[in-house]
Amino acid sequence: MIRSFLAVEIPNAVRDEVAKIINNFSQANYPIRWVNKENLHITLIFLGEIREDFLDKVNRALGEATKNCRPFEMNLNGVGAFPSQRTPRIIWIGVKQGQNEIIELQANIEKSLVKIGYKPEAKKFHPHLTIGRVKGFLKDAIQIFETNYSSPPFLIKSIVLFQSILRPEGPLYEKLKEFNFG
């Protein structure tokens, strides 16, 4: 079984900027497990534990699904939380420019995967870059949510199928295959 997910990669320059923000937040000793710079990405679909034969079907479906996709510009903007800023469990940076395009991309990929037996999540897709997971109770986190971050625009021209290897020191994401648009 392979634990896997589909994601959009973030350019290194933007990862560096986000890593600086995370580093500033980590100085405050919030009860948050911050995402390592190399693991920053925007998850489109979490596939979970899948068999290798299903992974072959996923690869074929993604090859077809991305054939007609067009590159688009995106930027990251603002800091928020799921389920809310009052009771945060996940800290994220949102998508501003390119939001409609990435929502459409995710929906099209999901439709292709449903045809081969993927069972989609019930909750609506909300494009975001996870930067931290709250462990325990988070109070006095106003510094986090008042952060005014906006990345420069960057081009999205592919999606990536990742394997997630869980380890005590944090997950390791290994790129299995990249699917270029067009």
Foldseek 3Di string as FASTA:
>chain_A
DFFKFKWFDDDLVVLVVVVVVLVVVVVVVAQKDFDDSVPWTKTLAGQGDDDPVLVVLLVVLQLVLQAADDKAKKKWWFWFAPPGPQFHFWIWIAIDGCQVVSLVSSVSSVVSSVVSPGDGDPDRDGTTITTIGHDDGGPPPVVRRPDTDMGDMDMTFKMFMWTWDQDPVGIDTDTDDIHGHD
